[in-house]
C-alpha atoms as a PDB file:
ATOM      1  CA  MET A   1      -0.341 -11.140  -2.088  1.00  0.00           C
ATOM      2  CA  LYS A   2      -0.730 -10.145  -5.714  1.00  0.00           C
ATOM      3  CA  GLY A   3       1.777 -11.405  -8.252  1.00  0.00           C
ATOM      4  CA  PRO A   4       2.036 -14.357 -10.639  1.00  0.00           C
ATOM      5  CA  GLY A   5       4.214 -17.343  -9.893  1.00  0.00           C
ATOM      6  CA  ALA A   6       5.195 -16.183  -6.413  1.00  0.00           C
ATOM      7  CA  LYS A   7       6.951 -19.402  -5.410  1.00  0.00           C
ATOM      8  CA  THR A   8       8.998 -19.902  -8.557  1.00  0.00           C
ATOM      9  CA  SER A   9       9.574 -16.528 -10.211  1.00  0.00           C
ATOM     10  CA  ARG A  10      12.996 -14.909 -10.307  1.00  0.00           C
ATOM     11  CA  LEU A  11      12.036 -11.302  -9.730  1.00  0.00           C
ATOM     12  CA  ARG A  12      13.623  -7.974  -9.044  1.00  0.00           C
ATOM     13  CA  LEU A  13      10.905  -6.802  -6.707  1.00  0.00           C
ATOM     14  CA  GLY A  14      10.588  -3.343  -5.195  1.00  0.00           C
ATOM     15  CA  ILE A  15       8.798  -2.881  -1.878  1.00  0.00           C
ATOM     16  CA  TYR A  16       7.158   0.495  -1.366  1.00  0.00           C
ATOM     17  CA  GLY A  17       5.705   0.972   2.099  1.00  0.00           C
ATOM     18  CA  GLY A  18       3.740   3.936   3.379  1.00  0.00           C
ATOM     19  CA  THR A  19       0.458   5.123   4.801  1.00  0.00           C
ATOM     20  CA  PHE A  20      -0.825   6.226   1.350  1.00  0.00           C
ATOM     21  CA  ASP A  21      -3.263   8.522   3.134  1.00  0.00           C
ATOM     22  CA  PRO A  22      -4.087   9.286   0.364  1.00  0.00           C
ATOM     23  CA  VAL A  23      -1.999   7.798  -2.445  1.00  0.00           C
ATOM     24  CA  HIS A  24      -0.930  10.605  -4.782  1.00  0.00           C
ATOM     25  CA  SER A  25       0.854  11.255  -8.064  1.00  0.00           C
ATOM     26  CA  GLY A  26       4.236  11.595  -6.352  1.00  0.00           C
ATOM     27  CA  HIS A  27       3.990   8.023  -5.063  1.00  0.00           C
ATOM     28  CA  ILE A  28       3.263   6.703  -8.535  1.00  0.00           C
ATOM     29  CA  LEU A  29       6.056   8.687 -10.200  1.00  0.00           C
ATOM     30  CA  LEU A  30       8.612   7.476  -7.635  1.00  0.00           C
ATOM     31  CA  ALA A  31       7.549   3.857  -8.188  1.00  0.00           C
ATOM     32  CA  ARG A  32       7.764   4.314 -11.951  1.00  0.00           C
ATOM     33  CA  ASP A  33      11.247   5.811 -11.643  1.00  0.00           C
ATOM     34  CA  ALA A  34      12.308   2.744  -9.639  1.00  0.00           C
ATOM     35  CA  LEU A  35      10.940   0.416 -12.312  1.00  0.00           C
ATOM     36  CA  GLU A  36      12.806   2.215 -15.076  1.00  0.00           C
ATOM     37  CA  GLN A  37      16.098   3.062 -13.385  1.00  0.00           C
ATOM     38  CA  VAL A  38      16.723  -0.268 -11.635  1.00  0.00           C
ATOM     39  CA  ARG A  39      14.908  -2.484 -14.131  1.00  0.00           C
ATOM     40  CA  LEU A  40      12.560  -3.886 -11.535  1.00  0.00           C
ATOM     41  CA  ASP A  41      10.009  -6.466 -12.607  1.00  0.00           C
ATOM     42  CA  ALA A  42       7.385  -5.034 -10.262  1.00  0.00           C
ATOM     43  CA  VAL A  43       6.803  -2.666  -7.367  1.00  0.00           C
ATOM     44  CA  LEU A  44       4.759  -3.960  -4.453  1.00  0.00           C
ATOM     45  CA  PHE A  45       2.835  -1.195  -2.651  1.00  0.00           C
ATOM     46  CA  VAL A  46       2.428  -2.045   1.043  1.00  0.00           C
ATOM     47  CA  PRO A  47       0.026   0.216   2.982  1.00  0.00           C
ATOM     48  CA  CYS A  48       0.948   0.208   6.656  1.00  0.00           C
ATOM     49  CA  ALA A  49      -1.442  -0.259   9.554  1.00  0.00           C
ATOM     50  CA  GLN A  50       0.562   1.729  12.119  1.00  0.00           C
ATOM     51  CA  SER A  51       3.981   3.280  11.637  1.00  0.00           C
ATOM     52  CA  PRO A  52       6.235   2.348  14.594  1.00  0.00           C
ATOM     53  CA  LEU A  53       7.817   5.825  14.557  1.00  0.00           C
ATOM     54  CA  LYS A  54       4.575   7.827  14.440  1.00  0.00           C
ATOM     55  CA  ARG A  55       2.091   8.246  17.251  1.00  0.00           C
ATOM     56  CA  SER A  56      -0.756   9.280  14.990  1.00  0.00           C
ATOM     57  CA  LYS A  57      -2.732   6.716  13.039  1.00  0.00           C
ATOM     58  CA  PRO A  58      -3.806   7.102   9.388  1.00  0.00           C
ATOM     59  CA  ARG A  59      -6.618   9.615   8.982  1.00  0.00           C
ATOM     60  CA  VAL A  60      -8.967   7.281   7.113  1.00  0.00           C
ATOM     61  CA  SER A  61      -9.711   3.574   7.423  1.00  0.00           C
ATOM     62  CA  ASP A  62      -7.608   0.757   5.997  1.00  0.00           C
ATOM     63  CA  ALA A  63     -10.496  -0.060   3.652  1.00  0.00           C
ATOM     64  CA  HIS A  64     -10.527   3.459   2.164  1.00  0.00           C
ATOM     65  CA  ARG A  65      -6.735   3.604   1.747  1.00  0.00           C
ATOM     66  CA  LEU A  66      -6.706   0.186   0.089  1.00  0.00           C
ATOM     67  CA  ALA A  67      -9.591   1.125  -2.214  1.00  0.00           C
ATOM     68  CA  MET A  68      -7.780   4.291  -3.300  1.00  0.00           C
ATOM     69  CA  LEU A  69      -4.584   2.337  -3.993  1.00  0.00           C
ATOM     70  CA  ARG A  70      -6.509  -0.113  -6.158  1.00  0.00           C
ATOM     71  CA  LEU A  71      -8.068   2.750  -8.102  1.00  0.00           C
ATOM     72  CA  ALA A  72      -4.737   4.545  -8.572  1.00  0.00           C
ATOM     73  CA  LEU A  73      -2.922   1.414  -9.777  1.00  0.00           C
ATOM     74  CA  LYS A  74      -5.700  -0.005 -11.941  1.00  0.00           C
ATOM     75  CA  GLY A  75      -4.335  -1.167 -15.281  1.00  0.00           C
ATOM     76  CA  GLU A  76      -0.704  -1.014 -14.095  1.00  0.00           C
ATOM     77  CA  SER A  77       0.429  -4.608 -14.578  1.00  0.00           C
ATOM     78  CA  ARG A  78       3.744  -4.099 -12.762  1.00  0.00           C
ATOM     79  CA  PHE A  79       2.320  -2.289  -9.745  1.00  0.00           C
ATOM     80  CA  TRP A  80       1.074  -4.794  -7.184  1.00  0.00           C
ATOM     81  CA  ILE A  81      -0.499  -4.408  -3.733  1.00  0.00           C
ATOM     82  CA  SER A  82       0.118  -6.359  -0.549  1.00  0.00           C
ATOM     83  CA  ARG A  83      -2.117  -6.018   2.488  1.00  0.00           C
ATOM     84  CA  CYS A  84       0.266  -7.994   4.715  1.00  0.00           C
ATOM     85  CA  GLU A  85       0.756  -5.100   7.152  1.00  0.00           C
ATOM     86  CA  LEU A  86      -2.983  -4.415   7.328  1.00  0.00           C
ATOM     87  CA  ASP A  87      -3.597  -8.061   8.211  1.00  0.00           C
ATOM     88  CA  ARG A  88      -0.815  -8.217  10.804  1.00  0.00           C
ATOM     89  CA  SER A  89      -1.485  -7.086  14.369  1.00  0.00           C
ATOM     90  CA  GLY A  90       0.733  -4.534  16.075  1.00  0.00           C
ATOM     91  CA  PRO A  91       3.104  -1.944  14.559  1.00  0.00           C
ATOM     92  CA  SER A  92       4.025  -2.321  10.885  1.00  0.00           C
ATOM     93  CA  TYR A  93       7.680  -3.319  11.155  1.00  0.00           C
ATOM     94  CA  ALA A  94       9.578  -3.269   7.860  1.00  0.00           C
ATOM     95  CA  VAL A  95      11.678  -6.298   8.775  1.00  0.00           C
ATOM     96  CA  GLU A  96       8.564  -8.437   9.280  1.00  0.00           C
ATOM     97  CA  THR A  97       7.197  -7.229   5.945  1.00  0.00           C
ATOM     98  CA  ALA A  98      10.451  -8.033   4.130  1.00  0.00           C
ATOM     99  CA  THR A  99      10.520 -11.472   5.751  1.00  0.00           C
ATOM    100  CA  GLU A 100       6.935 -12.233   4.735  1.00  0.00           C
ATOM    101  CA  ILE A 101       7.454 -11.034   1.177  1.00  0.00           C
ATOM    102  CA  GLY A 102      10.714 -12.981   0.949  1.00  0.00           C
ATOM    103  CA  GLU A 103       8.873 -16.148   1.953  1.00  0.00           C
ATOM    104  CA  ALA A 104       6.174 -15.502  -0.657  1.00  0.00           C
ATOM    105  CA  PHE A 105       8.814 -14.798  -3.344  1.00  0.00           C
ATOM    106  CA  PRO A 106      11.774 -16.963  -2.258  1.00  0.00           C
ATOM    107  CA  ARG A 107      13.722 -16.490  -5.494  1.00  0.00           C
ATOM    108  CA  ALA A 108      13.234 -12.732  -5.671  1.00  0.00           C
ATOM    109  CA  THR A 109      15.820 -10.034  -5.097  1.00  0.00           C
ATOM    110  CA  LEU A 110      14.169  -7.470  -2.839  1.00  0.00           C
ATOM    111  CA  PHE A 111      14.612  -3.697  -3.013  1.00  0.00           C
ATOM    112  CA  TRP A 112      13.188  -1.292  -0.419  1.00  0.00           C
ATOM    113  CA  LEU A 113      12.160   2.113  -1.822  1.00  0.00           C
ATOM    114  CA  MET A 114      12.860   5.047   0.447  1.00  0.00           C
ATOM    115  CA  GLY A 115      13.848   8.710   0.514  1.00  0.00           C
ATOM    116  CA  ALA A 116      17.114   9.946   1.999  1.00  0.00           C
ATOM    117  CA  ASP A 117      15.194  11.378   4.950  1.00  0.00           C
ATOM    118  CA  GLN A 118      13.986   7.873   5.818  1.00  0.00           C
ATOM    119  CA  LEU A 119      17.479   6.410   5.533  1.00  0.00           C
ATOM    120  CA  ALA A 120      18.696   8.793   8.218  1.00  0.00           C
ATOM    121  CA  GLU A 121      16.052   7.271  10.533  1.00  0.00           C
ATOM    122  CA  LEU A 122      17.103   3.690   9.790  1.00  0.00           C
ATOM    123  CA  PRO A 123      19.032   3.198  13.064  1.00  0.00           C
ATOM    124  CA  ARG A 124      15.696   3.640  14.889  1.00  0.00           C
ATOM    125  CA  TRP A 125      13.968   0.922  12.851  1.00  0.00           C
ATOM    126  CA  HIS A 126      13.120  -2.402  14.478  1.00  0.00           C
ATOM    127  CA  ARG A 127      15.814  -5.067  13.832  1.00  0.00           C
ATOM    128  CA  GLN A 128      17.387  -2.832  11.238  1.00  0.00           C
ATOM    129  CA  GLN A 129      20.489  -5.000  10.727  1.00  0.00           C
ATOM    130  CA  GLU A 130      18.323  -7.980   9.824  1.00  0.00           C
ATOM    131  CA  LEU A 131      16.305  -5.839   7.408  1.00  0.00           C
ATOM    132  CA  ALA A 132      19.530  -4.606   5.795  1.00  0.00           C
ATOM    133  CA  ARG A 133      20.540  -8.222   5.136  1.00  0.00           C
ATOM    134  CA  ARG A 134      17.257  -8.967   3.401  1.00  0.00           C
ATOM    135  CA  VAL A 135      16.928  -5.982   1.071  1.00  0.00           C
ATOM    136  CA  THR A 136      18.832  -3.463  -0.989  1.00  0.00           C
ATOM    137  CA  PHE A 137      17.678   0.051  -0.161  1.00  0.00           C
ATOM    138  CA  LEU A 138      16.790   2.174  -3.180  1.00  0.00           C
ATOM    139  CA  LEU A 139      17.600   5.646  -1.985  1.00  0.00           C
ATOM    140  CA  PHE A 140      15.954   8.510  -3.867  1.00  0.00           C
ATOM    141  CA  GLU A 141      18.037  11.585  -3.175  1.00  0.00           C
ATOM    142  CA  ARG A 142      16.287  14.290  -1.205  1.00  0.00           C
ATOM    143  CA  GLY A 143      19.239  15.880   0.515  1.00  0.00           C
ATOM    144  CA  GLY A 144      19.086  13.605   3.558  1.00  0.00           C
ATOM    145  CA  LYS A 145      22.050  12.765   5.755  1.00  0.00           C
ATOM    146  CA  PRO A 146      23.957   9.472   5.331  1.00  0.00           C
ATOM    147  CA  VAL A 147      23.039   6.636   7.635  1.00  0.00           C
ATOM    148  CA  ARG A 148      25.424   5.855  10.495  1.00  0.00           C
ATOM    149  CA  GLY A 149      25.960   2.616  12.372  1.00  0.00           C
ATOM    150  CA  ILE A 150      24.144   0.366   9.903  1.00  0.00           C
ATOM    151  CA  LYS A 151      25.828  -1.917   7.404  1.00  0.00           C
ATOM    152  CA  ALA A 152      23.352  -1.637   4.553  1.00  0.00           C
ATOM    153  CA  ASN A 153      23.391  -2.202   0.812  1.00  0.00           C
ATOM    154  CA  VAL A 154      22.233   1.180  -0.481  1.00  0.00           C
ATOM    155  CA  LEU A 155      21.756   2.050  -4.130  1.00  0.00           C
ATOM    156  CA  GLY A 156      21.492   5.806  -4.595  1.00  0.00           C
ATOM    157  CA  LEU A 157      19.243   6.997  -7.407  1.00  0.00           C
ATOM    158  CA  PRO A 158      18.648  10.442  -8.873  1.00  0.00           C
ATOM    159  CA  ARG A 159      15.070  11.603  -8.819  1.00  0.00           C
ATOM    160  CA  PRO A 160      14.657  13.236 -12.229  1.00  0.00           C
ATOM    161  CA  ARG A 161      10.979  14.103 -11.840  1.00  0.00           C
ATOM    162  CA  ARG A 162      10.755  16.534  -8.949  1.00  0.00           C
ATOM    163  CA  VAL A 163       7.214  16.464  -7.657  1.00  0.00           C
ATOM    164  CA  ASP A 164       6.810  18.105  -4.281  1.00  0.00           C
ATOM    165  CA  ILE A 165       3.533  16.580  -3.149  1.00  0.00           C
ATOM    166  CA  SER A 166       2.658  15.542   0.381  1.00  0.00           C
ATOM    167  CA  ALA A 167      -0.379  13.722   1.693  1.00  0.00           C
ATOM    168  CA  THR A 168      -0.601  16.329   4.457  1.00  0.00           C
ATOM    169  CA  GLU A 169      -0.954  19.111   1.890  1.00  0.00           C
ATOM    170  CA  ILE A 170      -3.649  17.155   0.064  1.00  0.00           C
ATOM    171  CA  ARG A 171      -5.615  16.582   3.282  1.00  0.00           C
ATOM    172  CA  ASP A 172      -5.313  20.279   4.176  1.00  0.00           C
ATOM    173  CA  ARG A 173      -6.573  21.303   0.737  1.00  0.00           C
ATOM    174  CA  VAL A 174      -9.578  18.984   1.036  1.00  0.00           C
ATOM    175  CA  LYS A 175     -10.365  20.403   4.475  1.00  0.00           C
ATOM    176  CA  SER A 176     -10.180  23.923   3.019  1.00  0.00           C
ATOM    177  CA  ARG A 177     -12.389  22.876   0.069  1.00  0.00           C
ATOM    178  CA  LEU A 178      -9.580  23.498  -2.439  1.00  0.00           C
ATOM    179  CA  PRO A 179      -9.135  21.370  -5.588  1.00  0.00           C
ATOM    180  CA  ILE A 180      -6.663  18.470  -5.530  1.00  0.00           C
ATOM    181  CA  ASP A 181      -6.885  17.435  -9.189  1.00  0.00           C
ATOM    182  CA  CYS A 182      -3.226  18.245  -9.899  1.00  0.00           C
ATOM    183  CA  PHE A 183      -2.046  16.247  -6.889  1.00  0.00           C
ATOM    184  CA  VAL A 184      -3.825  12.904  -7.245  1.00  0.00           C
ATOM    185  CA  PRO A 185      -5.142  10.783 -10.144  1.00  0.00           C
ATOM    186  CA  ALA A 186      -8.683  11.737 -11.164  1.00  0.00           C
ATOM    187  CA  PRO A 187     -10.282   8.549  -9.741  1.00  0.00           C
ATOM    188  CA  ILE A 188      -8.745   9.337  -6.326  1.00  0.00           C
ATOM    189  CA  ALA A 189     -10.068  12.889  -6.320  1.00  0.00           C
ATOM    190  CA  ALA A 190     -13.518  11.545  -7.198  1.00  0.00           C
ATOM    191  CA  TYR A 191     -13.309   8.864  -4.484  1.00  0.00           C
ATOM    192  CA  ILE A 192     -12.332  11.397  -1.810  1.00  0.00           C
ATOM    193  CA  GLU A 193     -15.208  13.652  -2.845  1.00  0.00           C
ATOM    194  CA  ARG A 194     -17.732  10.809  -3.016  1.00  0.00           C
ATOM    195  CA  HIS A 195     -16.851   9.472   0.444  1.00  0.00           C
ATOM    196  CA  ARG A 196     -16.307  12.938   1.961  1.00  0.00           C
ATOM    197  CA  LEU A 197     -12.857  11.999   3.262  1.00  0.00           C
ATOM    198  CA  TYR A 198     -10.440  14.368   5.045  1.00  0.00           C
ATOM    199  CA  ARG A 199     -13.051  17.071   5.596  1.00  0.00           C
ATOM    200  CA  SER A 200     -12.434  17.388   9.311  1.00  0.00           C
END
């Protein structure tokens, strides 16, 4: 797990999970907003192996998604990557990720980045009450409904930079041979083209 002084550092550490299939400019802007608005020391990007609430698997391999993340975050000293979910067998449960990261950074205060639409799904998450005790949820407003039945520490944040980008749209554009330069960093567009990803 990337990050200096894991065992001793007092950190305000954001955890940003997702398939990142592919990582795009919206992901990076949301992470940057979290850094600036909550004064986080770092954001830890955690690509998932298999979402427990989705039947479909990521469209490209773990190796490709990880390589694209590394390209997108290159030179960003406060954006880190953890492959803990890729290395763990079974569904990628958030509570297990938070536990593992908490053990690696025992003096850190953990924040879980999510949109309001995800918060509404929180009652369906595995061991959600335990997760809520381990992290503060950073809720980026997207017009979602408030969570019910979960005692959670939720910090609502405005999302000043509205960027409506979805990985699904990017994959569809690649399949249709349309440009994606405005949606992803240039190295990601080049990587997708070089490896002929998302074409079918």
